[in-house]
Amino acid sequence: MAIEKINSLALSSIAEINSTAKASIAKFNGSEAASVSLTDYVSSGLEMHFNAGDENSYNSSTTPSTWTDISSNGYSMTLNNGPTEPNAGDNYIQFDGVDDYGEIIVPSSDYFYGEGSASGGSETHDQDQYSFIAVCSFPESGSTGYVVSDAYCGMTCRRRRQTYSSSTRGTLIRFSLYGFQHSNYYGALASLKPPSNMSTYFHYNSSRSQYEIKPDTKVHVAATIDLTSSTTNNFICYINGQTFTATASTGGSNRSGSSLNLSYDTTSQIKDGSQYWHHGVSPLNTTYNGNPVVSSNSLSTNTYELMMYNRVLTQAEVEQNFDAYVDRYGSI
């Protein structure tokens, strides 16, 4: 396609096309339209946004060990032990399941920073609403046709402690081979299992007796948590912008479609927030003496995008973010 034709679009220059999060130039090829319109990401309440396809967020050539937040809140995720984009243009960061992990240090003024005494005294619960979004895929276990057993994509944290305590609080929210999972490390692990009627993305694994995501299958997932009420379904999950019918659930109650009630006490047991948040490592990691202690139990994930909000997104907003991603990087 001639440069002059590209410049004749509403996008005024090649530089402007390149600024659209490394969107495929093929999207513009052959277009005679007067302008190219991309769906906006939802910005209200956005705390963190990491996108491996956006050169403003990740560049494997210039800053291979840093994944930069593009929400304008100024976070950086330090990539430890070598997670990287395998090939230029893959638009994902590969965490190898051996020792790769990412770490975010949260400032004390932030919504997701843990409040209360670092020595284990009284603690407060400020983070009562949030949303998690990821675009990810998982590798195959050998030639089995199924994903590896450590297929997890999510965010985890631990509270600051001066000394180790088995009751250390924290938060886990993730999508995995077991579906959607949430825990506060103090109550039970709540989960919603994948659906049985989305055969493009999920299949049945008889050895695990469950439906699970297929290997190397890219999916957009979202989960919203509302802890302001313990009497309603306050854990709602989405696949590619839509609700679904979970095949099973654990650790909660009143399952309906892709929603679940988190049945543990929302006022005294949920202890969200931490000085440190991690991606790509086991939720069993502990923080004490002001520093994170990261176990060797890393997790396998190809992560294209991660987002965290400080509020509950509506289904329309989740779908808008799905459309925003597809507009830039193609269908899922």
C-alpha atoms as a PDB file:
ATOM      1  CA  MET A   1       0.000   0.000   0.000  1.00  0.00           C
ATOM      2  CA  ALA A   2       1.464   3.373  -0.977  1.00  0.00           C
ATOM      3  CA  ILE A   3       2.614   5.739   1.742  1.00  0.00           C
ATOM      4  CA  GLU A   4       0.488   8.429   0.144  1.00  0.00           C
ATOM      5  CA  LYS A   5      -2.622   6.284   0.528  1.00  0.00           C
ATOM      6  CA  ILE A   6      -1.906   5.636   4.196  1.00  0.00           C
ATOM      7  CA  ASN A   7      -1.333   9.352   4.707  1.00  0.00           C
ATOM      8  CA  SER A   8      -4.649  10.101   3.014  1.00  0.00           C
ATOM      9  CA  LEU A   9      -6.445   8.450   5.900  1.00  0.00           C
ATOM     10  CA  ALA A  10      -7.546  10.438   8.917  1.00  0.00           C
ATOM     11  CA  LEU A  11      -4.398   9.053  10.532  1.00  0.00           C
ATOM     12  CA  SER A  12      -1.999  11.747   9.457  1.00  0.00           C
ATOM     13  CA  SER A  13       1.258   9.857   9.392  1.00  0.00           C
ATOM     14  CA  ILE A  14       2.960   6.498   9.648  1.00  0.00           C
ATOM     15  CA  ALA A  15       4.013   7.505  13.158  1.00  0.00           C
ATOM     16  CA  GLU A  16       0.377   7.807  14.140  1.00  0.00           C
ATOM     17  CA  ILE A  17      -0.361   4.336  12.807  1.00  0.00           C
ATOM     18  CA  ASN A  18       2.606   3.005  14.757  1.00  0.00           C
ATOM     19  CA  SER A  19       1.228   4.613  17.909  1.00  0.00           C
ATOM     20  CA  THR A  20      -1.899   2.457  17.758  1.00  0.00           C
ATOM     21  CA  ALA A  21      -0.431  -0.179  20.012  1.00  0.00           C
ATOM     22  CA  LYS A  22       1.433  -1.984  17.239  1.00  0.00           C
ATOM     23  CA  ALA A  23      -1.911  -2.630  15.550  1.00  0.00           C
ATOM     24  CA  SER A  24      -1.390  -4.738  12.464  1.00  0.00           C
ATOM     25  CA  ILE A  25      -0.769  -2.603   9.401  1.00  0.00           C
ATOM     26  CA  ALA A  26      -2.765  -5.271   7.560  1.00  0.00           C
ATOM     27  CA  LYS A  27      -5.813  -3.797   9.289  1.00  0.00           C
ATOM     28  CA  PHE A  28      -5.375  -0.718   7.119  1.00  0.00           C
ATOM     29  CA  ASN A  29      -4.337  -2.439   3.893  1.00  0.00           C
ATOM     30  CA  GLY A  30      -6.851  -1.993   1.116  1.00  0.00           C
ATOM     31  CA  SER A  31      -8.942   0.426   3.162  1.00  0.00           C
ATOM     32  CA  GLU A  32     -10.424   3.296   1.219  1.00  0.00           C
ATOM     33  CA  ALA A  33     -12.288   4.606   4.276  1.00  0.00           C
ATOM     34  CA  ALA A  34     -11.827   8.221   5.238  1.00  0.00           C
ATOM     35  CA  SER A  35     -10.830   7.262   8.752  1.00  0.00           C
ATOM     36  CA  VAL A  36     -10.008   4.318  10.969  1.00  0.00           C
ATOM     37  CA  SER A  37     -11.880   4.188  14.267  1.00  0.00           C
ATOM     38  CA  LEU A  38     -10.681   2.044  17.168  1.00  0.00           C
ATOM     39  CA  THR A  39     -12.819   1.265  20.202  1.00  0.00           C
ATOM     40  CA  ASP A  40     -11.511   3.024  23.298  1.00  0.00           C
ATOM     41  CA  TYR A  41     -10.528   1.095  26.384  1.00  0.00           C
ATOM     42  CA  VAL A  42     -12.597   1.942  29.466  1.00  0.00           C
ATOM     43  CA  SER A  43     -10.527   4.480  31.400  1.00  0.00           C
ATOM     44  CA  SER A  44     -12.719   5.154  34.452  1.00  0.00           C
ATOM     45  CA  GLY A  45     -11.231   3.407  37.474  1.00  0.00           C
ATOM     46  CA  LEU A  46      -8.313   1.934  35.536  1.00  0.00           C
ATOM     47  CA  GLU A  47      -5.388   1.313  37.897  1.00  0.00           C
ATOM     48  CA  MET A  48      -3.009  -0.826  35.840  1.00  0.00           C
ATOM     49  CA  HIS A  49      -2.763  -1.641  32.142  1.00  0.00           C
ATOM     50  CA  PHE A  50       0.016  -3.784  30.710  1.00  0.00           C
ATOM     51  CA  ASN A  51      -0.096  -4.648  27.003  1.00  0.00           C
ATOM     52  CA  ALA A  52       2.682  -6.641  25.337  1.00  0.00           C
ATOM     53  CA  GLY A  53       1.563  -5.506  21.882  1.00  0.00           C
ATOM     54  CA  ASP A  54       1.975  -1.802  22.634  1.00  0.00           C
ATOM     55  CA  GLU A  55       5.533  -0.530  22.259  1.00  0.00           C
ATOM     56  CA  ASN A  56       4.776   2.104  24.880  1.00  0.00           C
ATOM     57  CA  SER A  57       4.200  -0.769  27.305  1.00  0.00           C
ATOM     58  CA  TYR A  58       6.737  -3.374  26.193  1.00  0.00           C
ATOM     59  CA  ASN A  59       9.732  -3.364  23.860  1.00  0.00           C
ATOM     60  CA  SER A  60      11.816  -6.538  23.873  1.00  0.00           C
ATOM     61  CA  SER A  61      14.706  -4.779  22.125  1.00  0.00           C
ATOM     62  CA  THR A  62      15.135  -1.709  24.318  1.00  0.00           C
ATOM     63  CA  THR A  63      13.654  -2.632  27.725  1.00  0.00           C
ATOM     64  CA  PRO A  64      13.238  -6.421  27.822  1.00  0.00           C
ATOM     65  CA  SER A  65      12.994  -6.629  31.629  1.00  0.00           C
ATOM     66  CA  THR A  66      10.349  -3.921  32.111  1.00  0.00           C
ATOM     67  CA  TRP A  67       6.623  -4.056  31.378  1.00  0.00           C
ATOM     68  CA  THR A  68       5.331  -0.489  31.652  1.00  0.00           C
ATOM     69  CA  ASP A  69       1.865   0.504  32.805  1.00  0.00           C
ATOM     70  CA  ILE A  70       0.064   2.538  30.129  1.00  0.00           C
ATOM     71  CA  SER A  71      -2.844   3.591  32.356  1.00  0.00           C
ATOM     72  CA  SER A  72      -1.010   6.871  33.108  1.00  0.00           C
ATOM     73  CA  ASN A  73      -0.616   5.821  36.760  1.00  0.00           C
ATOM     74  CA  GLY A  74       3.093   5.211  36.338  1.00  0.00           C
ATOM     75  CA  TYR A  75       3.528   1.568  37.327  1.00  0.00           C
ATOM     76  CA  SER A  76       6.273  -0.674  36.072  1.00  0.00           C
ATOM     77  CA  MET A  77       6.358  -4.447  36.278  1.00  0.00           C
ATOM     78  CA  THR A  78       9.894  -5.763  36.659  1.00  0.00           C
ATOM     79  CA  LEU A  79      10.285  -8.981  34.676  1.00  0.00           C
ATOM     80  CA  ASN A  80      12.589 -11.319  36.561  1.00  0.00           C
ATOM     81  CA  ASN A  81      14.625 -14.264  35.222  1.00  0.00           C
ATOM     82  CA  GLY A  82      13.850 -13.756  31.575  1.00  0.00           C
ATOM     83  CA  PRO A  83      10.163 -13.651  30.624  1.00  0.00           C
ATOM     84  CA  THR A  84      10.033 -11.999  27.211  1.00  0.00           C
ATOM     85  CA  GLU A  85       8.314 -11.825  23.829  1.00  0.00           C
ATOM     86  CA  PRO A  86       9.598 -14.962  22.025  1.00  0.00           C
ATOM     87  CA  ASN A  87       9.607 -13.299  18.600  1.00  0.00           C
ATOM     88  CA  ALA A  88       9.040  -9.697  17.555  1.00  0.00           C
ATOM     89  CA  GLY A  89       5.345  -9.215  16.807  1.00  0.00           C
ATOM     90  CA  ASP A  90       4.108 -12.111  18.964  1.00  0.00           C
ATOM     91  CA  ASN A  91       2.467  -9.479  21.204  1.00  0.00           C
ATOM     92  CA  TYR A  92       2.703 -11.634  24.338  1.00  0.00           C
ATOM     93  CA  ILE A  93       5.203 -12.220  27.124  1.00  0.00           C
ATOM     94  CA  GLN A  94       6.058 -15.841  27.835  1.00  0.00           C
ATOM     95  CA  PHE A  95       6.433 -16.958  31.464  1.00  0.00           C
ATOM     96  CA  ASP A  96       8.207 -20.310  31.384  1.00  0.00           C
ATOM     97  CA  GLY A  97       6.866 -22.088  34.463  1.00  0.00           C
ATOM     98  CA  VAL A  98      10.380 -22.454  35.881  1.00  0.00           C
ATOM     99  CA  ASP A  99      11.437 -19.209  37.533  1.00  0.00           C
ATOM    100  CA  ASP A 100       9.931 -16.335  35.510  1.00  0.00           C
ATOM    101  CA  TYR A 101       7.788 -13.775  37.290  1.00  0.00           C
ATOM    102  CA  GLY A 102       6.792 -10.120  37.228  1.00  0.00           C
ATOM    103  CA  GLU A 103       6.713  -7.799  40.233  1.00  0.00           C
ATOM    104  CA  ILE A 104       4.935  -4.486  40.786  1.00  0.00           C
ATOM    105  CA  ILE A 105       5.775  -2.280  43.769  1.00  0.00           C
ATOM    106  CA  VAL A 106       2.647  -0.354  44.728  1.00  0.00           C
ATOM    107  CA  PRO A 107       3.018   3.137  46.264  1.00  0.00           C
ATOM    108  CA  SER A 108       1.458   3.706  49.664  1.00  0.00           C
ATOM    109  CA  SER A 109      -1.106   6.154  48.290  1.00  0.00           C
ATOM    110  CA  ASP A 110      -2.492   3.613  45.820  1.00  0.00           C
ATOM    111  CA  TYR A 111      -5.830   1.843  46.006  1.00  0.00           C
ATOM    112  CA  PHE A 112      -4.203  -1.597  46.005  1.00  0.00           C
ATOM    113  CA  TYR A 113      -1.665  -0.872  48.733  1.00  0.00           C
ATOM    114  CA  GLY A 114      -2.205  -2.903  51.922  1.00  0.00           C
ATOM    115  CA  GLU A 115      -3.320  -0.911  54.944  1.00  0.00           C
ATOM    116  CA  GLY A 116      -2.828  -1.755  58.608  1.00  0.00           C
ATOM    117  CA  SER A 117       0.089  -2.785  60.785  1.00  0.00           C
ATOM    118  CA  ALA A 118       3.056  -4.486  59.127  1.00  0.00           C
ATOM    119  CA  SER A 119       3.669  -6.413  62.337  1.00  0.00           C
ATOM    120  CA  GLY A 120       0.328  -8.165  62.097  1.00  0.00           C
ATOM    121  CA  GLY A 121      -1.850  -5.927  64.225  1.00  0.00           C
ATOM    122  CA  SER A 122      -5.170  -4.397  63.246  1.00  0.00           C
ATOM    123  CA  GLU A 123      -5.812  -4.305  59.524  1.00  0.00           C
ATOM    124  CA  THR A 124      -8.317  -2.429  57.454  1.00  0.00           C
ATOM    125  CA  HIS A 125     -10.258  -3.479  54.389  1.00  0.00           C
ATOM    126  CA  ASP A 126     -10.326  -0.685  51.843  1.00  0.00           C
ATOM    127  CA  GLN A 127     -10.294  -2.534  48.544  1.00  0.00           C
ATOM    128  CA  ASP A 128     -13.869  -3.744  48.375  1.00  0.00           C
ATOM    129  CA  GLN A 129     -14.425  -3.516  44.612  1.00  0.00           C
ATOM    130  CA  TYR A 130     -12.142  -4.348  41.713  1.00  0.00           C
ATOM    131  CA  SER A 131     -12.006  -5.890  38.258  1.00  0.00           C
ATOM    132  CA  PHE A 132      -9.370  -8.059  36.589  1.00  0.00           C
ATOM    133  CA  ILE A 133      -8.896  -8.509  32.831  1.00  0.00           C
ATOM    134  CA  ALA A 134      -6.373 -10.629  30.964  1.00  0.00           C
ATOM    135  CA  VAL A 135      -5.688 -11.883  27.472  1.00  0.00           C
ATOM    136  CA  CYS A 136      -3.701 -15.097  27.639  1.00  0.00           C
ATOM    137  CA  SER A 137      -3.000 -18.601  26.347  1.00  0.00           C
ATOM    138  CA  PHE A 138      -1.294 -21.638  27.849  1.00  0.00           C
ATOM    139  CA  PRO A 139       1.232 -24.104  26.388  1.00  0.00           C
ATOM    140  CA  GLU A 140       0.621 -27.778  25.754  1.00  0.00           C
ATOM    141  CA  SER A 141       2.002 -30.425  28.081  1.00  0.00           C
ATOM    142  CA  GLY A 142       4.249 -32.400  25.745  1.00  0.00           C
ATOM    143  CA  SER A 143       2.057 -33.918  23.037  1.00  0.00           C
ATOM    144  CA  THR A 144      -0.863 -34.769  25.314  1.00  0.00           C
ATOM    145  CA  GLY A 145      -3.291 -32.366  23.684  1.00  0.00           C
ATOM    146  CA  TYR A 146      -3.899 -30.680  27.047  1.00  0.00           C
ATOM    147  CA  VAL A 147      -2.427 -27.646  28.763  1.00  0.00           C
ATOM    148  CA  VAL A 148       0.356 -27.925  31.319  1.00  0.00           C
ATOM    149  CA  SER A 149      -0.617 -28.469  34.950  1.00  0.00           C
ATOM    150  CA  ASP A 150       0.710 -25.054  36.009  1.00  0.00           C
ATOM    151  CA  ALA A 151      -1.363 -23.064  33.507  1.00  0.00           C
ATOM    152  CA  TYR A 152      -2.321 -19.924  35.437  1.00  0.00           C
ATOM    153  CA  CYS A 153      -2.614 -16.241  34.497  1.00  0.00           C
ATOM    154  CA  GLY A 154      -3.418 -13.779  37.253  1.00  0.00           C
ATOM    155  CA  MET A 155      -2.356 -11.295  39.889  1.00  0.00           C
ATOM    156  CA  THR A 156      -1.393 -12.168  43.457  1.00  0.00           C
ATOM    157  CA  CYS A 157      -0.228 -10.217  46.470  1.00  0.00           C
ATOM    158  CA  ARG A 158       0.835 -10.622  50.084  1.00  0.00           C
ATOM    159  CA  ARG A 159       0.632  -8.069  52.867  1.00  0.00           C
ATOM    160  CA  ARG A 160       3.729  -6.537  54.402  1.00  0.00           C
ATOM    161  CA  ARG A 161       4.835  -8.283  57.586  1.00  0.00           C
ATOM    162  CA  GLN A 162       7.831  -7.804  59.850  1.00  0.00           C
ATOM    163  CA  THR A 163       7.903 -11.529  60.570  1.00  0.00           C
ATOM    164  CA  TYR A 164       6.470 -14.536  58.763  1.00  0.00           C
ATOM    165  CA  SER A 165       2.950 -15.477  59.768  1.00  0.00           C
ATOM    166  CA  SER A 166       0.831 -18.330  58.470  1.00  0.00           C
ATOM    167  CA  SER A 167      -2.140 -15.954  58.582  1.00  0.00           C
ATOM    168  CA  THR A 168      -0.509 -13.418  56.262  1.00  0.00           C
ATOM    169  CA  ARG A 169      -3.263 -11.797  54.225  1.00  0.00           C
ATOM    170  CA  GLY A 170      -3.333 -11.242  50.514  1.00  0.00           C
ATOM    171  CA  THR A 171      -5.329 -11.609  47.320  1.00  0.00           C
ATOM    172  CA  LEU A 172      -5.372 -13.988  44.382  1.00  0.00           C
ATOM    173  CA  ILE A 173      -7.377 -13.448  41.242  1.00  0.00           C
ATOM    174  CA  ARG A 174      -6.678 -15.465  38.123  1.00  0.00           C
ATOM    175  CA  PHE A 175      -7.785 -17.526  35.151  1.00  0.00           C
ATOM    176  CA  SER A 176      -6.333 -21.021  34.845  1.00  0.00           C
ATOM    177  CA  LEU A 177      -6.925 -24.556  33.583  1.00  0.00           C
ATOM    178  CA  TYR A 178      -9.443 -24.734  36.456  1.00  0.00           C
ATOM    179  CA  GLY A 179     -11.351 -21.666  35.267  1.00  0.00           C
ATOM    180  CA  PHE A 180     -11.715 -18.460  37.249  1.00  0.00           C
ATOM    181  CA  GLN A 181     -10.387 -18.394  40.810  1.00  0.00           C
ATOM    182  CA  HIS A 182     -10.393 -15.916  43.661  1.00  0.00           C
ATOM    183  CA  SER A 183      -9.048 -16.151  47.180  1.00  0.00           C
ATOM    184  CA  ASN A 184      -8.045 -13.836  49.974  1.00  0.00           C
ATOM    185  CA  TYR A 185      -5.571 -16.390  51.389  1.00  0.00           C
ATOM    186  CA  TYR A 186      -7.714 -16.442  54.521  1.00  0.00           C
ATOM    187  CA  GLY A 187     -10.958 -17.843  53.228  1.00  0.00           C
ATOM    188  CA  ALA A 188     -11.603 -20.674  50.815  1.00  0.00           C
ATOM    189  CA  LEU A 189     -10.531 -20.615  47.183  1.00  0.00           C
ATOM    190  CA  ALA A 190     -13.619 -19.805  45.134  1.00  0.00           C
ATOM    191  CA  SER A 191     -13.746 -20.951  41.528  1.00  0.00           C
ATOM    192  CA  LEU A 192     -16.027 -21.042  38.499  1.00  0.00           C
ATOM    193  CA  LYS A 193     -15.296 -23.879  36.069  1.00  0.00           C
ATOM    194  CA  PRO A 194     -15.179 -23.350  32.274  1.00  0.00           C
ATOM    195  CA  PRO A 195     -18.286 -23.922  30.136  1.00  0.00           C
ATOM    196  CA  SER A 196     -19.033 -27.069  28.132  1.00  0.00           C
ATOM    197  CA  ASN A 197     -20.517 -25.304  25.097  1.00  0.00           C
ATOM    198  CA  MET A 198     -17.567 -23.234  23.804  1.00  0.00           C
ATOM    199  CA  SER A 199     -15.743 -25.935  21.858  1.00  0.00           C
ATOM    200  CA  THR A 200     -13.534 -23.461  20.005  1.00  0.00           C
ATOM    201  CA  TYR A 201     -11.798 -22.642  23.278  1.00  0.00           C
ATOM    202  CA  PHE A 202     -12.509 -25.459  25.750  1.00  0.00           C
ATOM    203  CA  HIS A 203     -12.589 -29.248  25.751  1.00  0.00           C
ATOM    204  CA  TYR A 204     -13.044 -32.041  28.244  1.00  0.00           C
ATOM    205  CA  ASN A 205     -10.014 -33.577  29.928  1.00  0.00           C
ATOM    206  CA  SER A 206     -11.011 -36.967  31.318  1.00  0.00           C
ATOM    207  CA  SER A 207      -7.788 -37.310  33.312  1.00  0.00           C
ATOM    208  CA  ARG A 208      -8.735 -34.198  35.279  1.00  0.00           C
ATOM    209  CA  SER A 209     -12.498 -34.780  34.982  1.00  0.00           C
ATOM    210  CA  GLN A 210     -13.152 -31.219  33.865  1.00  0.00           C
ATOM    211  CA  TYR A 211     -13.620 -28.855  30.975  1.00  0.00           C
ATOM    212  CA  GLU A 212     -10.527 -26.713  30.482  1.00  0.00           C
ATOM    213  CA  ILE A 213      -8.985 -24.371  27.968  1.00  0.00           C
ATOM    214  CA  LYS A 214      -7.291 -25.896  24.932  1.00  0.00           C
ATOM    215  CA  PRO A 215      -3.510 -25.517  24.505  1.00  0.00           C
ATOM    216  CA  ASP A 216      -2.250 -22.411  22.708  1.00  0.00           C
ATOM    217  CA  THR A 217      -5.760 -20.973  22.582  1.00  0.00           C
ATOM    218  CA  LYS A 218      -5.950 -17.237  23.068  1.00  0.00           C
ATOM    219  CA  VAL A 219      -8.821 -15.958  25.183  1.00  0.00           C
ATOM    220  CA  HIS A 220      -9.978 -12.676  26.727  1.00  0.00           C
ATOM    221  CA  VAL A 221     -11.099 -13.171  30.338  1.00  0.00           C
ATOM    222  CA  ALA A 222     -12.483 -10.826  32.985  1.00  0.00           C
ATOM    223  CA  ALA A 223     -13.654 -11.108  36.578  1.00  0.00           C
ATOM    224  CA  THR A 224     -15.331  -8.524  38.787  1.00  0.00           C
ATOM    225  CA  ILE A 225     -15.418  -8.622  42.588  1.00  0.00           C
ATOM    226  CA  ASP A 226     -17.830  -6.613  44.740  1.00  0.00           C
ATOM    227  CA  LEU A 227     -17.280  -7.129  48.473  1.00  0.00           C
ATOM    228  CA  THR A 228     -19.669  -4.432  49.624  1.00  0.00           C
ATOM    229  CA  SER A 229     -22.317  -7.109  50.087  1.00  0.00           C
ATOM    230  CA  SER A 230     -22.040 -10.728  51.197  1.00  0.00           C
ATOM    231  CA  THR A 231     -25.631 -11.577  50.289  1.00  0.00           C
ATOM    232  CA  THR A 232     -25.497 -11.324  46.501  1.00  0.00           C
ATOM    233  CA  ASN A 233     -23.444 -12.959  43.769  1.00  0.00           C
ATOM    234  CA  ASN A 234     -20.392 -10.762  44.008  1.00  0.00           C
ATOM    235  CA  PHE A 235     -17.964 -12.666  41.752  1.00  0.00           C
ATOM    236  CA  ILE A 236     -18.901 -12.373  38.064  1.00  0.00           C
ATOM    237  CA  CYS A 237     -16.782 -13.728  35.211  1.00  0.00           C
ATOM    238  CA  TYR A 238     -16.662 -13.219  31.457  1.00  0.00           C
ATOM    239  CA  ILE A 239     -15.108 -14.953  28.450  1.00  0.00           C
ATOM    240  CA  ASN A 240     -14.529 -12.815  25.356  1.00  0.00           C
ATOM    241  CA  GLY A 241     -16.764 -10.116  26.781  1.00  0.00           C
ATOM    242  CA  GLN A 242     -19.716 -12.405  27.527  1.00  0.00           C
ATOM    243  CA  THR A 243     -21.123 -14.283  30.501  1.00  0.00           C
ATOM    244  CA  PHE A 244     -21.312 -18.067  30.237  1.00  0.00           C
ATOM    245  CA  THR A 245     -22.671 -21.117  32.037  1.00  0.00           C
ATOM    246  CA  ALA A 246     -20.044 -22.580  34.350  1.00  0.00           C
ATOM    247  CA  THR A 247     -19.953 -26.362  34.564  1.00  0.00           C
ATOM    248  CA  ALA A 248     -19.223 -26.343  38.309  1.00  0.00           C
ATOM    249  CA  SER A 249     -18.026 -24.162  41.173  1.00  0.00           C
ATOM    250  CA  THR A 250     -16.144 -24.494  44.442  1.00  0.00           C
ATOM    251  CA  GLY A 251     -15.696 -22.381  47.541  1.00  0.00           C
ATOM    252  CA  GLY A 252     -18.777 -20.225  47.094  1.00  0.00           C
ATOM    253  CA  SER A 253     -22.549 -20.440  46.932  1.00  0.00           C
ATOM    254  CA  ASN A 254     -25.569 -19.587  44.803  1.00  0.00           C
ATOM    255  CA  ARG A 255     -23.846 -20.200  41.459  1.00  0.00           C
ATOM    256  CA  SER A 256     -25.822 -18.772  38.562  1.00  0.00           C
ATOM    257  CA  GLY A 257     -24.387 -18.842  35.049  1.00  0.00           C
ATOM    258  CA  SER A 258     -20.947 -17.274  35.422  1.00  0.00           C
ATOM    259  CA  SER A 259     -21.516 -15.643  38.806  1.00  0.00           C
ATOM    260  CA  LEU A 260     -20.930 -16.865  42.339  1.00  0.00           C
ATOM    261  CA  ASN A 261     -21.354 -15.592  45.869  1.00  0.00           C
ATOM    262  CA  LEU A 262     -18.072 -15.337  47.772  1.00  0.00           C
ATOM    263  CA  SER A 263     -19.355 -16.830  50.989  1.00  0.00           C
ATOM    264  CA  TYR A 264     -16.573 -15.885  53.383  1.00  0.00           C
ATOM    265  CA  ASP A 265     -16.998 -12.872  55.643  1.00  0.00           C
ATOM    266  CA  THR A 266     -16.507  -9.739  53.556  1.00  0.00           C
ATOM    267  CA  THR A 267     -15.914  -7.454  56.534  1.00  0.00           C
ATOM    268  CA  SER A 268     -13.393  -9.297  58.697  1.00  0.00           C
ATOM    269  CA  GLN A 269     -11.681 -11.865  56.505  1.00  0.00           C
ATOM    270  CA  ILE A 270     -11.067 -10.278  53.125  1.00  0.00           C
ATOM    271  CA  LYS A 271      -7.696  -8.557  53.421  1.00  0.00           C
ATOM    272  CA  ASP A 272      -6.832  -7.209  49.999  1.00  0.00           C
ATOM    273  CA  GLY A 273      -3.942  -5.058  48.947  1.00  0.00           C
ATOM    274  CA  SER A 274      -0.201  -5.283  49.384  1.00  0.00           C
ATOM    275  CA  GLN A 275       2.989  -3.371  48.830  1.00  0.00           C
ATOM    276  CA  TYR A 276       3.846  -5.965  46.193  1.00  0.00           C
ATOM    277  CA  TRP A 277       1.805  -7.570  43.432  1.00  0.00           C
ATOM    278  CA  HIS A 278       3.091 -10.453  41.317  1.00  0.00           C
ATOM    279  CA  HIS A 279       2.278 -12.043  37.986  1.00  0.00           C
ATOM    280  CA  GLY A 280       3.430 -15.496  36.932  1.00  0.00           C
ATOM    281  CA  VAL A 281       4.169 -17.014  40.337  1.00  0.00           C
ATOM    282  CA  SER A 282       2.467 -19.207  42.893  1.00  0.00           C
ATOM    283  CA  PRO A 283       0.003 -17.604  45.339  1.00  0.00           C
ATOM    284  CA  LEU A 284       1.911 -19.261  48.193  1.00  0.00           C
ATOM    285  CA  ASN A 285       4.634 -16.639  48.070  1.00  0.00           C
ATOM    286  CA  THR A 286       5.092 -14.647  51.263  1.00  0.00           C
ATOM    287  CA  THR A 287       6.250 -11.152  52.071  1.00  0.00           C
ATOM    288  CA  TYR A 288       8.062 -10.179  55.260  1.00  0.00           C
ATOM    289  CA  ASN A 289      10.756  -7.723  56.419  1.00  0.00           C
ATOM    290  CA  GLY A 290       9.424  -5.371  53.775  1.00  0.00           C
ATOM    291  CA  ASN A 291      10.637  -7.577  50.917  1.00  0.00           C
ATOM    292  CA  PRO A 292       8.918 -10.206  48.809  1.00  0.00           C
ATOM    293  CA  VAL A 293      10.052 -13.804  49.033  1.00  0.00           C
ATOM    294  CA  VAL A 294       9.290 -15.436  45.697  1.00  0.00           C
ATOM    295  CA  SER A 295       9.169 -19.208  45.548  1.00  0.00           C
ATOM    296  CA  SER A 296      10.496 -21.221  42.615  1.00  0.00           C
ATOM    297  CA  ASN A 297       6.967 -22.379  41.834  1.00  0.00           C
ATOM    298  CA  SER A 298       6.504 -20.206  38.769  1.00  0.00           C
ATOM    299  CA  LEU A 299       3.526 -20.619  36.469  1.00  0.00           C
ATOM    300  CA  SER A 300       3.206 -21.091  32.711  1.00  0.00           C
ATOM    301  CA  THR A 301       1.357 -18.427  30.766  1.00  0.00           C
ATOM    302  CA  ASN A 302       1.596 -16.447  27.556  1.00  0.00           C
ATOM    303  CA  THR A 303       0.240 -13.070  28.633  1.00  0.00           C
ATOM    304  CA  TYR A 304      -0.871 -10.538  26.043  1.00  0.00           C
ATOM    305  CA  GLU A 305      -2.613  -8.050  28.313  1.00  0.00           C
ATOM    306  CA  LEU A 306      -3.297  -7.425  32.020  1.00  0.00           C
ATOM    307  CA  MET A 307      -5.653  -4.812  33.485  1.00  0.00           C
ATOM    308  CA  MET A 308      -6.848  -3.992  37.001  1.00  0.00           C
ATOM    309  CA  TYR A 309      -9.652  -1.564  37.909  1.00  0.00           C
ATOM    310  CA  ASN A 310     -10.593  -0.107  41.288  1.00  0.00           C
ATOM    311  CA  ARG A 311     -14.293  -0.687  40.676  1.00  0.00           C
ATOM    312  CA  VAL A 312     -16.722  -3.234  39.270  1.00  0.00           C
ATOM    313  CA  LEU A 313     -17.052  -3.005  35.509  1.00  0.00           C
ATOM    314  CA  THR A 314     -20.426  -3.597  33.888  1.00  0.00           C
ATOM    315  CA  GLN A 315     -20.817  -6.267  31.236  1.00  0.00           C
ATOM    316  CA  ALA A 316     -21.019  -3.533  28.603  1.00  0.00           C
ATOM    317  CA  GLU A 317     -17.666  -2.173  29.787  1.00  0.00           C
ATOM    318  CA  VAL A 318     -16.055  -5.615  29.785  1.00  0.00           C
ATOM    319  CA  GLU A 319     -17.309  -6.113  26.233  1.00  0.00           C
ATOM    320  CA  GLN A 320     -15.979  -2.678  25.260  1.00  0.00           C
ATOM    321  CA  ASN A 321     -12.494  -3.658  26.454  1.00  0.00           C
ATOM    322  CA  PHE A 322     -12.753  -6.902  24.507  1.00  0.00           C
ATOM    323  CA  ASP A 323     -13.694  -4.936  21.373  1.00  0.00           C
ATOM    324  CA  ALA A 324     -10.813  -2.504  22.006  1.00  0.00           C
ATOM    325  CA  TYR A 325      -8.339  -5.371  22.057  1.00  0.00           C
ATOM    326  CA  VAL A 326      -9.783  -7.054  18.956  1.00  0.00           C
ATOM    327  CA  ASP A 327      -9.782  -3.777  17.028  1.00  0.00           C
ATOM    328  CA  ARG A 328      -6.042  -3.498  17.589  1.00  0.00           C
ATOM    329  CA  TYR A 329      -4.847  -7.094  17.371  1.00  0.00           C
ATOM    330  CA  GLY A 330      -7.440  -9.075  15.468  1.00  0.00           C
ATOM    331  CA  SER A 331     -10.077 -11.651  16.376  1.00  0.00           C
ATOM    332  CA  ILE A 332      -9.795 -14.033  19.310  1.00  0.00           C
END
